[in-house]
């Protein structure tokens, strides 16, 4: 594995409970950012100045997204109120990152057939956990697919997983997902211009 050349260190104050856990987990999963949370400003400054950084390693070649679909995709196109919508179906993978990677690869093939900034996409994460490996796969997928998306919605996320979505949006850049509790509500929203 290759090491990233620079590790960015960020110290946070005032986060407690699940938000602290989720935010630090996200940051530490995504490559070159190391985040720690502290109760006092002094401890945070000491950590930022004194603690040597350990570069994280990049994912192995086996973890990097491929462009060859391994199987028929669960993801598919639907038509709603006269508009095409891509349903990115990442349902029921649990923490199975191998199966999730296969779906990501198949989805990339579907998306690359479309013009840039043309896809209305609803991502369904029902039954899939936000494990560190699944989060890495999601980040890698976004790096490939962002160019093609014009509008995004998200379903299948509830409870504490909503924190992961918020943190994911922060650490992947300007990607925003509008969240809905049902696919029907997401479809109605995504076809509005």
Protein backbone atom coordinates (compact mmCIF):
# COMPACT_ATOMS: atom_id res chain seq x y z
CA UNK A 1 0.00 0.00 0.00
CA UNK A 2 1.10 3.53 -0.73
CA UNK A 3 1.10 6.19 1.98
CA UNK A 4 -0.65 9.50 1.47
CA UNK A 5 1.93 12.30 1.39
CA UNK A 6 0.21 14.52 3.95
CA UNK A 7 -2.14 13.92 6.84
CA UNK A 8 -4.46 16.73 7.81
CA UNK A 9 -5.08 16.98 11.54
CA UNK A 10 -8.27 18.56 12.85
CA UNK A 11 -9.27 18.97 16.46
CA UNK A 12 -12.90 19.41 17.48
CA UNK A 13 -14.39 20.77 20.66
CA UNK A 14 -17.88 20.50 22.04
CA UNK A 15 -19.03 17.34 20.29
CA UNK A 16 -20.44 14.67 22.54
CA UNK A 17 -22.15 11.33 22.26
CA UNK A 18 -23.01 9.79 18.90
CA UNK A 19 -22.11 12.90 16.87
CA UNK A 20 -18.54 12.79 18.19
CA UNK A 21 -18.16 9.08 17.45
CA UNK A 22 -19.60 9.35 13.95
CA UNK A 23 -17.64 12.44 12.93
CA UNK A 24 -14.29 11.13 14.14
CA UNK A 25 -14.94 7.71 12.57
CA UNK A 26 -15.79 9.28 9.23
CA UNK A 27 -12.77 11.52 9.16
CA UNK A 28 -10.40 8.76 10.12
CA UNK A 29 -11.83 6.40 7.49
CA UNK A 30 -11.30 8.85 4.63
CA UNK A 31 -7.62 8.84 3.87
CA UNK A 32 -5.60 11.83 4.87
CA UNK A 33 -7.71 13.44 7.61
CA UNK A 34 -7.10 12.62 11.27
CA UNK A 35 -9.75 13.99 13.65
CA UNK A 36 -9.84 13.87 17.42
CA UNK A 37 -12.30 15.45 19.81
CA UNK A 38 -11.28 17.23 23.02
CA UNK A 39 -13.10 18.82 25.92
CA UNK A 40 -10.71 21.74 26.22
CA UNK A 41 -9.05 24.03 23.73
CA UNK A 42 -5.69 23.57 25.43
CA UNK A 43 -5.70 19.79 25.01
CA UNK A 44 -6.75 20.17 21.38
CA UNK A 45 -3.91 22.61 20.69
CA UNK A 46 -1.39 20.34 22.43
CA UNK A 47 -2.51 17.43 20.24
CA UNK A 48 -2.37 19.48 17.05
CA UNK A 49 1.15 20.71 17.77
CA UNK A 50 2.80 17.75 19.48
CA UNK A 51 1.36 14.48 18.20
CA UNK A 52 3.24 13.12 15.21
CA UNK A 53 0.97 12.17 12.37
CA UNK A 54 0.92 8.70 10.91
CA UNK A 55 0.01 8.68 7.24
CA UNK A 56 -2.88 6.41 6.40
CA UNK A 57 -2.44 3.95 3.64
CA UNK A 58 -4.55 4.09 0.52
CA UNK A 59 -6.89 1.20 -0.18
CA UNK A 60 -5.36 -1.78 -1.92
CA UNK A 61 -6.07 -2.40 -5.57
CA UNK A 62 -8.72 -4.93 -4.54
CA UNK A 63 -10.64 -2.12 -2.79
CA UNK A 64 -10.45 0.42 -5.61
CA UNK A 65 -13.53 0.65 -7.80
CA UNK A 66 -13.34 -1.34 -10.98
CA UNK A 67 -15.22 -0.57 -14.13
CA UNK A 68 -16.32 -4.08 -15.09
CA UNK A 69 -19.71 -5.17 -13.74
CA UNK A 70 -19.43 -8.48 -11.91
CA UNK A 71 -23.15 -9.30 -12.11
CA UNK A 72 -26.53 -7.90 -13.05
CA UNK A 73 -27.12 -4.68 -11.14
CA UNK A 74 -29.90 -4.22 -8.61
CA UNK A 75 -29.80 -0.54 -9.60
CA UNK A 76 -32.20 0.34 -12.39
CA UNK A 77 -34.05 3.07 -14.27
CA UNK A 78 -37.70 3.95 -13.61
CA UNK A 79 -40.01 6.50 -15.16
CA UNK A 80 -41.98 8.76 -12.84
CA UNK A 81 -44.32 11.49 -14.10
CA UNK A 82 -42.67 11.35 -17.50
CA UNK A 83 -39.08 11.67 -16.25
CA UNK A 84 -36.33 9.06 -16.03
CA UNK A 85 -34.94 8.41 -12.55
CA UNK A 86 -32.07 6.11 -11.62
CA UNK A 87 -32.66 4.03 -8.50
CA UNK A 88 -29.22 3.24 -7.05
CA UNK A 89 -30.22 0.19 -5.05
CA UNK A 90 -27.79 -0.60 -2.26
CA UNK A 91 -30.42 -2.47 -0.27
CA UNK A 92 -29.82 -5.37 2.10
CA UNK A 93 -26.04 -5.58 1.83
CA UNK A 94 -25.54 -5.24 5.59
CA UNK A 95 -21.78 -4.96 6.10
CA UNK A 96 -20.98 -7.15 3.06
CA UNK A 97 -18.52 -4.85 1.31
CA UNK A 98 -17.68 -7.42 -1.40
CA UNK A 99 -21.29 -7.54 -2.62
CA UNK A 100 -21.60 -3.78 -2.22
CA UNK A 101 -18.47 -3.25 -4.33
CA UNK A 102 -19.95 -5.43 -7.08
CA UNK A 103 -23.09 -3.27 -7.09
CA UNK A 104 -20.97 -0.10 -7.19
CA UNK A 105 -19.07 -1.45 -10.19
CA UNK A 106 -22.30 -2.31 -12.01
CA UNK A 107 -23.75 1.11 -11.22
CA UNK A 108 -20.69 2.86 -12.65
CA UNK A 109 -21.29 1.07 -15.95
CA UNK A 110 -24.90 2.25 -16.02
CA UNK A 111 -23.97 5.84 -15.17
CA UNK A 112 -21.12 6.16 -17.66
CA UNK A 113 -23.58 5.64 -20.51
CA UNK A 114 -25.26 8.98 -19.70
CA UNK A 115 -24.21 12.58 -20.40
CA UNK A 116 -22.67 14.64 -17.59
CA UNK A 117 -25.05 16.44 -15.23
CA UNK A 118 -28.08 14.55 -16.55
CA UNK A 119 -29.04 11.92 -13.96
CA UNK A 120 -31.74 12.26 -11.33
CA UNK A 121 -30.74 9.61 -8.81
CA UNK A 122 -32.36 8.15 -5.72
CA UNK A 123 -30.02 6.09 -3.56
CA UNK A 124 -31.69 3.44 -1.40
CA UNK A 125 -29.56 2.27 1.54
CA UNK A 126 -32.23 0.20 3.32
CA UNK A 127 -30.61 -2.71 5.13
CA UNK A 128 -27.01 -1.67 4.48
CA UNK A 129 -24.73 -0.63 7.34
CA UNK A 130 -22.28 2.24 7.43
CA UNK A 131 -19.20 0.12 8.09
CA UNK A 132 -15.80 1.73 7.46
CA UNK A 133 -15.28 -0.35 4.30
CA UNK A 134 -18.76 0.47 2.98
CA UNK A 135 -18.07 4.16 3.59
CA UNK A 136 -14.81 3.94 1.61
CA UNK A 137 -16.69 2.33 -1.26
CA UNK A 138 -19.29 5.09 -1.14
CA UNK A 139 -16.61 7.76 -1.27
CA UNK A 140 -14.90 6.08 -4.22
CA UNK A 141 -18.22 5.76 -6.03
CA UNK A 142 -19.00 9.45 -5.56
CA UNK A 143 -15.63 10.41 -7.02
CA UNK A 144 -16.60 8.61 -10.23
CA UNK A 145 -20.30 9.49 -10.43
CA UNK A 146 -20.50 13.12 -9.28
CA UNK A 147 -19.97 14.43 -12.80
CA UNK A 148 -23.14 12.69 -14.00
CA UNK A 149 -25.60 13.66 -11.25
CA UNK A 150 -28.01 16.59 -11.60
CA UNK A 151 -30.18 15.88 -8.55
CA UNK A 152 -29.92 13.40 -5.66
CA UNK A 153 -32.23 11.94 -3.05
CA UNK A 154 -31.67 9.35 -0.36
CA UNK A 155 -33.99 6.80 1.23
CA UNK A 156 -33.48 3.95 3.67
CA UNK A 157 -31.54 5.85 6.32
CA UNK A 158 -32.96 6.25 9.79
CA UNK A 159 -31.91 6.71 13.37
CA UNK A 160 -28.20 7.10 14.02
CA UNK A 161 -27.31 6.41 10.38
CA UNK A 162 -28.54 9.94 9.59
CA UNK A 163 -25.42 11.21 11.39
CA UNK A 164 -23.31 9.16 8.99
CA UNK A 165 -25.01 10.76 6.00
CA UNK A 166 -24.35 14.25 7.36
CA UNK A 167 -20.72 13.43 8.11
CA UNK A 168 -20.33 11.68 4.76
CA UNK A 169 -21.50 14.84 2.98
CA UNK A 170 -18.94 16.91 4.92
CA UNK A 171 -16.00 14.64 4.14
CA UNK A 172 -16.80 13.99 0.50
CA UNK A 173 -17.14 17.62 -0.49
CA UNK A 174 -20.20 19.41 -1.73
CA UNK A 175 -22.35 16.31 -2.19
CA UNK A 176 -25.77 16.87 -0.67
CA UNK A 177 -28.42 14.23 -0.36
CA UNK A 178 -32.01 15.27 0.32
CA UNK A 179 -33.35 12.55 2.63
CA UNK A 180 -36.82 11.02 2.47
CA UNK A 181 -38.56 8.31 4.47
CA UNK A 182 -40.24 6.72 1.44
CA UNK A 183 -39.28 6.05 -2.16
CA UNK A 184 -42.57 7.58 -3.32
CA UNK A 185 -41.82 10.91 -1.62
CA UNK A 186 -38.30 10.91 -3.08
CA UNK A 187 -39.66 10.22 -6.58
CA UNK A 188 -42.19 13.07 -6.34
CA UNK A 189 -39.46 15.49 -5.22
CA UNK A 190 -36.75 14.44 -7.68
CA UNK A 191 -38.89 14.95 -10.80
CA UNK A 192 -39.75 18.54 -9.89
CA UNK A 193 -37.66 21.05 -11.84
